Amino acid sequence: MGETSSPTSAAALRAFAITEIIVRADRPISLSEIVDGCGLPVPTVFRILSMLEGAGLVQREPTGKTYAVGHRLARFGLEIMTNNSVRTERHVILRRVVDEIGETCNLAMLSGDEIIYIDRVETDWSLKAELKPGSRVPLHCTSSGKLFLSQMPKARRRRLLESLSCKRYTDNTITDINLLESQLERIAVTQVGVNSEEFQAGVIGVAVPVRDARGKMIASLALQAPVARLPMNRAMEFLPNLQRAADAMTATFAAK
C-alpha cells in the first residue's frame, strides 16, 4: 500500500477537499452543499468542519448554518499571494502602468474587513500619497475597498457594512450605509471603483478588478493621485491602461 493511501493521508486529503470547496465558493455555503460537493457522509463532513473551525481555517457564519473561509486560512492565502514566484512579474506590470500613467498605482487584496496593499509603485512626483506595501486601508472610502464591496452578495455586503464603523476621514467620506449601497450598485455595473477625496483630502483613486481564471475578483489594481494634478475626469481616461494591466495581472494569477 502506497504512502498516499494511509488513513492519515486519506483524512488529510478529505480535509483539503472540503477546504477547497469552501474557498472556491463565492459565498458562505451550507453543510448540505459541502456534502454534495465532496460526496462524503454528513457525519464525516461535520467532524472535519469542526476540526477546521477549531484550527481557524473555516468559520461558521452568525446564523450557524453556513461556512466560510476562516481568519487563519485567509491570512495564509494572502501570504501565498505576496510571497510567490511571480511576485517580480507582477511588480514589472505595476511599474509599466505607472510609467504609462505617471501616477502611483497599487495591487491590493481583501483582508477581512480591510484592504491590504500587496504591492505598490510610487510616482516620481514629489507630491504624492505614500503608503507602503502591507499598508491597510478601509473598505468604505477607498476605490479598491468599494470595488470589493460591490462584488459581494447583497446580504453579505449589508452585514459587513453594518459591522463597520464607516469612520469619516474627510468631508467627502460617505458614512450613510444606504447612500453607500447606492454607489456600490453603480460600481457593480461599471466595474470601476472610485474614491473622490474620501480617504485623504486632495487625493483621488480609481480601481479596476483583477480576476482569476474563473472570472472571480481576487485583487484590485488602482491609481492614486493628487486631485490638483489629476482631476477625476482625467483619471478616468487612464481606465484602458489600468484594465490592460489588470488583464496582465490575471494571467499571472491564472498561471498559479
Protein backbone atom coordinates (compact mmCIF):
# COMPACT_ATOMS: atom_id res chain seq x y z
CA MET A 1 0.00 0.00 0.00
CA GLY A 2 1.44 3.36 -1.00
CA GLU A 3 2.04 6.16 1.44
CA THR A 4 -0.79 8.29 0.00
CA SER A 5 -3.34 5.58 0.82
CA SER A 6 -2.62 5.57 4.59
CA PRO A 7 -5.52 6.54 6.88
CA THR A 8 -3.72 9.71 7.94
CA SER A 9 -3.09 10.79 4.35
CA ALA A 10 -6.67 10.00 3.34
CA ALA A 11 -8.02 12.10 6.22
CA ALA A 12 -5.76 14.99 5.24
CA LEU A 13 -6.94 14.82 1.63
CA ARG A 14 -10.59 14.81 2.72
CA ALA A 15 -9.97 17.89 4.86
CA PHE A 16 -8.21 19.58 1.95
CA ALA A 17 -11.08 18.74 -0.43
CA ILE A 18 -13.62 20.29 1.94
CA THR A 19 -11.44 23.37 2.42
CA GLU A 20 -11.12 23.73 -1.34
CA ILE A 21 -14.92 23.66 -1.77
CA ILE A 22 -15.31 26.47 0.76
CA VAL A 23 -12.50 28.54 -0.77
CA ARG A 24 -13.93 28.25 -4.28
CA ALA A 25 -17.44 29.29 -3.24
CA ASP A 26 -18.27 32.96 -3.75
CA ARG A 27 -20.42 33.00 -0.61
CA PRO A 28 -20.78 31.12 2.68
CA ILE A 29 -22.14 27.64 1.93
CA SER A 30 -24.22 25.14 3.86
CA LEU A 31 -23.30 21.72 5.20
CA SER A 32 -25.52 20.05 2.59
CA GLU A 33 -23.77 21.93 -0.24
CA ILE A 34 -20.38 20.81 1.05
CA VAL A 35 -21.62 17.22 1.31
CA ASP A 36 -22.88 17.39 -2.27
CA GLY A 37 -19.55 18.78 -3.42
CA CYS A 38 -17.32 16.17 -1.79
CA GLY A 39 -19.57 13.12 -1.71
CA LEU A 40 -18.66 12.21 1.89
CA PRO A 41 -21.18 11.21 4.58
CA VAL A 42 -22.71 14.02 6.62
CA PRO A 43 -21.15 12.91 9.95
CA THR A 44 -17.69 12.77 8.34
CA VAL A 45 -18.05 16.23 6.80
CA PHE A 46 -19.37 17.70 10.04
CA ARG A 47 -16.47 16.20 12.01
CA ILE A 48 -13.91 17.61 9.54
CA LEU A 49 -15.59 21.02 9.55
CA SER A 50 -15.47 21.10 13.34
CA MET A 51 -11.75 20.32 13.22
CA LEU A 52 -11.12 23.01 10.58
CA GLU A 53 -13.18 25.52 12.54
CA GLY A 54 -11.18 24.82 15.69
CA ALA A 55 -7.98 25.48 13.76
CA GLY A 56 -9.27 28.82 12.42
CA LEU A 57 -9.26 27.56 8.84
CA VAL A 58 -13.02 27.84 8.36
CA GLN A 59 -15.66 29.75 10.27
CA ARG A 60 -19.37 29.40 10.76
CA GLU A 61 -21.42 32.44 9.85
CA PRO A 62 -23.53 34.09 12.62
CA THR A 63 -26.57 32.01 11.65
CA GLY A 64 -24.56 28.86 12.35
CA LYS A 65 -25.90 27.26 9.16
CA THR A 66 -23.20 28.19 6.64
CA TYR A 67 -19.41 28.01 6.46
CA ALA A 68 -16.83 30.43 5.08
CA VAL A 69 -13.05 30.90 4.96
CA GLY A 70 -11.58 31.39 8.43
CA HIS A 71 -9.13 34.09 9.50
CA ARG A 72 -6.13 31.76 9.56
CA LEU A 73 -6.78 30.40 6.08
CA ALA A 74 -7.39 33.92 4.71
CA ARG A 75 -4.07 35.07 6.16
CA PHE A 76 -2.31 32.03 4.70
CA GLY A 77 -3.77 32.73 1.27
CA LEU A 78 -2.63 36.33 1.44
CA GLU A 79 0.89 35.25 2.40
CA ILE A 80 1.00 32.92 -0.62
CA MET A 81 -0.05 35.77 -2.93
CA THR A 82 2.59 38.15 -1.57
CA ASN A 83 5.48 35.70 -1.50
CA ASN A 84 5.08 33.55 -4.56
CA SER A 85 7.36 33.08 -7.57
CA VAL A 86 5.50 35.51 -9.85
CA ARG A 87 5.73 38.48 -7.49
CA THR A 88 8.51 40.01 -9.60
CA GLU A 89 6.42 39.61 -12.76
CA ARG A 90 3.50 41.44 -11.14
CA HIS A 91 5.78 44.22 -9.96
CA VAL A 92 7.04 44.70 -13.52
CA ILE A 93 3.43 45.04 -14.72
CA LEU A 94 2.74 47.57 -11.97
CA ARG A 95 5.87 49.57 -12.83
CA ARG A 96 4.89 49.61 -16.50
CA VAL A 97 1.42 51.04 -15.85
CA VAL A 98 2.88 53.67 -13.50
CA ASP A 99 5.26 54.71 -16.29
CA GLU A 100 2.30 54.97 -18.68
CA ILE A 101 0.04 56.95 -16.36
CA GLY A 102 2.64 58.91 -14.41
CA GLU A 103 0.87 58.35 -11.09
CA THR A 104 1.14 55.91 -8.19
CA CYS A 105 -0.53 52.52 -8.66
CA ASN A 106 -1.04 49.58 -6.32
CA LEU A 107 -2.17 45.96 -6.30
CA ALA A 108 -4.46 45.22 -3.37
CA MET A 109 -6.48 42.37 -1.90
CA LEU A 110 -9.30 41.96 0.57
CA SER A 111 -8.14 41.04 4.08
CA GLY A 112 -11.02 40.63 6.50
CA ASP A 113 -12.77 43.99 6.74
CA GLU A 114 -9.86 45.96 5.25
CA ILE A 115 -7.87 46.33 2.06
CA ILE A 116 -4.18 45.44 2.13
CA TYR A 117 -1.67 46.67 -0.43
CA ILE A 118 0.37 43.68 -1.59
CA ASP A 119 2.48 45.78 -3.96
CA ARG A 120 2.76 49.45 -4.80
CA VAL A 121 4.86 51.59 -7.13
CA GLU A 122 5.14 55.29 -6.35
CA THR A 123 5.25 58.06 -8.92
CA ASP A 124 8.39 60.15 -9.26
CA TRP A 125 6.43 63.32 -8.48
CA SER A 126 7.34 64.84 -5.10
CA LEU A 127 3.64 65.45 -4.30
CA LYS A 128 2.15 62.00 -3.63
CA ALA A 129 0.32 59.96 -1.01
CA GLU A 130 2.88 57.46 0.23
CA LEU A 131 1.53 54.13 1.52
CA LYS A 132 3.90 51.16 1.63
CA PRO A 133 3.12 47.54 0.65
CA GLY A 134 1.48 45.94 3.67
CA SER A 135 -0.49 49.09 4.47
CA ARG A 136 -4.13 48.51 5.37
CA VAL A 137 -6.90 50.92 4.40
CA PRO A 138 -10.68 50.97 4.98
CA LEU A 139 -13.26 49.44 2.66
CA HIS A 140 -15.95 52.12 2.65
CA CYS A 141 -13.88 55.09 1.46
CA THR A 142 -11.26 53.70 -0.93
CA SER A 143 -11.61 52.83 -4.60
CA SER A 144 -10.39 49.25 -4.11
CA GLY A 145 -12.48 48.76 -1.00
CA LYS A 146 -15.68 49.87 -2.70
CA LEU A 147 -14.88 47.71 -5.71
CA PHE A 148 -14.56 44.63 -3.50
CA LEU A 149 -17.77 45.53 -1.65
CA SER A 150 -19.62 45.88 -4.96
CA GLN A 151 -18.76 42.28 -5.88
CA MET A 152 -20.21 40.76 -2.71
CA PRO A 153 -23.69 39.21 -2.47
CA LYS A 154 -26.02 41.93 -1.18
CA ALA A 155 -26.90 40.24 2.11
CA ARG A 156 -23.25 39.61 3.00
CA ARG A 157 -22.30 43.14 1.99
CA ARG A 158 -25.05 44.65 4.13
CA ARG A 159 -23.95 42.66 7.18
CA LEU A 160 -20.36 43.75 6.64
CA LEU A 161 -21.27 47.41 6.20
CA GLU A 162 -23.36 47.35 9.35
CA SER A 163 -20.41 45.91 11.27
CA LEU A 164 -18.02 48.61 10.06
CA SER A 165 -17.65 51.95 11.81
CA CYS A 166 -17.69 53.80 8.43
CA LYS A 167 -15.48 56.43 10.03
CA ARG A 168 -15.43 59.89 8.46
CA TYR A 169 -11.93 60.67 7.17
CA THR A 170 -12.72 63.74 5.07
CA ASP A 171 -15.70 65.94 4.25
CA ASN A 172 -16.36 63.66 1.26
CA THR A 173 -16.44 60.34 3.17
CA ILE A 174 -19.76 58.56 2.72
CA THR A 175 -20.88 57.37 6.15
CA ASP A 176 -24.55 56.69 5.37
CA ILE A 177 -24.89 52.98 4.56
CA ASN A 178 -27.89 53.41 2.27
CA LEU A 179 -26.12 56.10 0.26
CA LEU A 180 -23.01 53.94 0.07
CA GLU A 181 -25.10 50.96 -1.08
CA SER A 182 -26.48 53.05 -3.95
CA GLN A 183 -22.96 53.91 -5.09
CA LEU A 184 -21.87 50.27 -4.77
CA GLU A 185 -24.74 49.19 -7.03
CA ARG A 186 -23.43 51.56 -9.71
CA ILE A 187 -19.88 50.29 -9.23
CA ALA A 188 -21.13 46.71 -9.65
CA VAL A 189 -22.35 47.71 -13.12
CA THR A 190 -19.36 49.81 -14.21
CA GLN A 191 -16.74 47.54 -12.58
CA VAL A 192 -14.79 50.69 -11.67
CA GLY A 193 -14.22 51.72 -8.05
CA VAL A 194 -13.82 55.42 -7.34
CA ASN A 195 -12.63 57.44 -4.37
CA SER A 196 -13.27 61.16 -4.67
CA GLU A 197 -11.14 62.56 -1.82
CA GLU A 198 -12.96 60.26 0.61
CA PHE A 199 -9.97 58.77 2.45
CA GLN A 200 -7.38 61.53 2.14
CA ALA A 201 -8.27 65.12 1.39
CA GLY A 202 -6.95 66.15 -2.01
CA VAL A 203 -6.34 62.55 -3.22
CA ILE A 204 -8.50 60.61 -5.67
CA GLY A 205 -8.45 56.95 -6.63
CA VAL A 206 -9.69 54.71 -9.44
CA ALA A 207 -9.65 50.89 -9.23
CA VAL A 208 -10.38 48.01 -11.62
CA PRO A 209 -10.71 44.30 -10.80
CA VAL A 210 -8.07 41.64 -11.27
CA ARG A 211 -9.77 38.27 -11.78
CA ASP A 212 -8.67 34.68 -11.64
CA ALA A 213 -9.10 32.13 -14.42
CA ARG A 214 -12.72 31.54 -13.36
CA GLY A 215 -13.59 35.23 -13.52
CA LYS A 216 -13.72 35.80 -9.75
CA MET A 217 -12.26 39.07 -8.48
CA ILE A 218 -9.20 38.29 -6.39
CA ALA A 219 -7.38 41.64 -6.37
CA SER A 220 -7.68 45.23 -7.48
CA LEU A 221 -5.40 47.47 -9.48
CA ALA A 222 -5.75 51.13 -8.59
CA LEU A 223 -4.21 54.51 -9.20
CA GLN A 224 -3.98 57.30 -6.64
CA ALA A 225 -3.14 60.90 -7.41
CA PRO A 226 -3.49 64.43 -6.03
CA VAL A 227 -6.67 65.89 -7.50
CA ALA A 228 -4.80 69.14 -8.17
CA ARG A 229 -2.62 67.28 -10.68
CA LEU A 230 -5.09 64.67 -11.92
CA PRO A 231 -8.81 65.53 -11.65
CA MET A 232 -11.21 62.59 -11.64
CA ASN A 233 -12.38 63.15 -15.24
CA ARG A 234 -8.78 62.91 -16.48
CA ALA A 235 -8.05 59.94 -14.24
CA MET A 236 -10.90 58.05 -15.90
CA GLU A 237 -9.12 58.48 -19.25
CA PHE A 238 -6.50 56.02 -17.96
CA LEU A 239 -9.03 53.22 -17.48
CA PRO A 240 -7.80 51.37 -20.61
CA ASN A 241 -4.25 51.40 -19.19
CA LEU A 242 -5.44 50.05 -15.84
CA GLN A 243 -7.59 47.39 -17.48
CA ARG A 244 -4.77 46.18 -19.72
CA ALA A 245 -2.52 45.91 -16.69
CA ALA A 246 -5.26 44.11 -14.76
CA ASP A 247 -5.59 41.60 -17.61
CA ALA A 248 -1.84 41.01 -17.48
CA MET A 249 -2.10 40.52 -13.70
CA THR A 250 -4.91 38.00 -14.25
CA ALA A 251 -2.59 35.92 -16.41
CA THR A 252 -0.07 35.69 -13.55
CA PHE A 253 -2.73 34.51 -11.10
CA ALA A 254 -4.05 32.02 -13.64
CA ALA A 255 -0.55 30.69 -14.03
CA LYS A 256 -0.56 29.71 -10.38
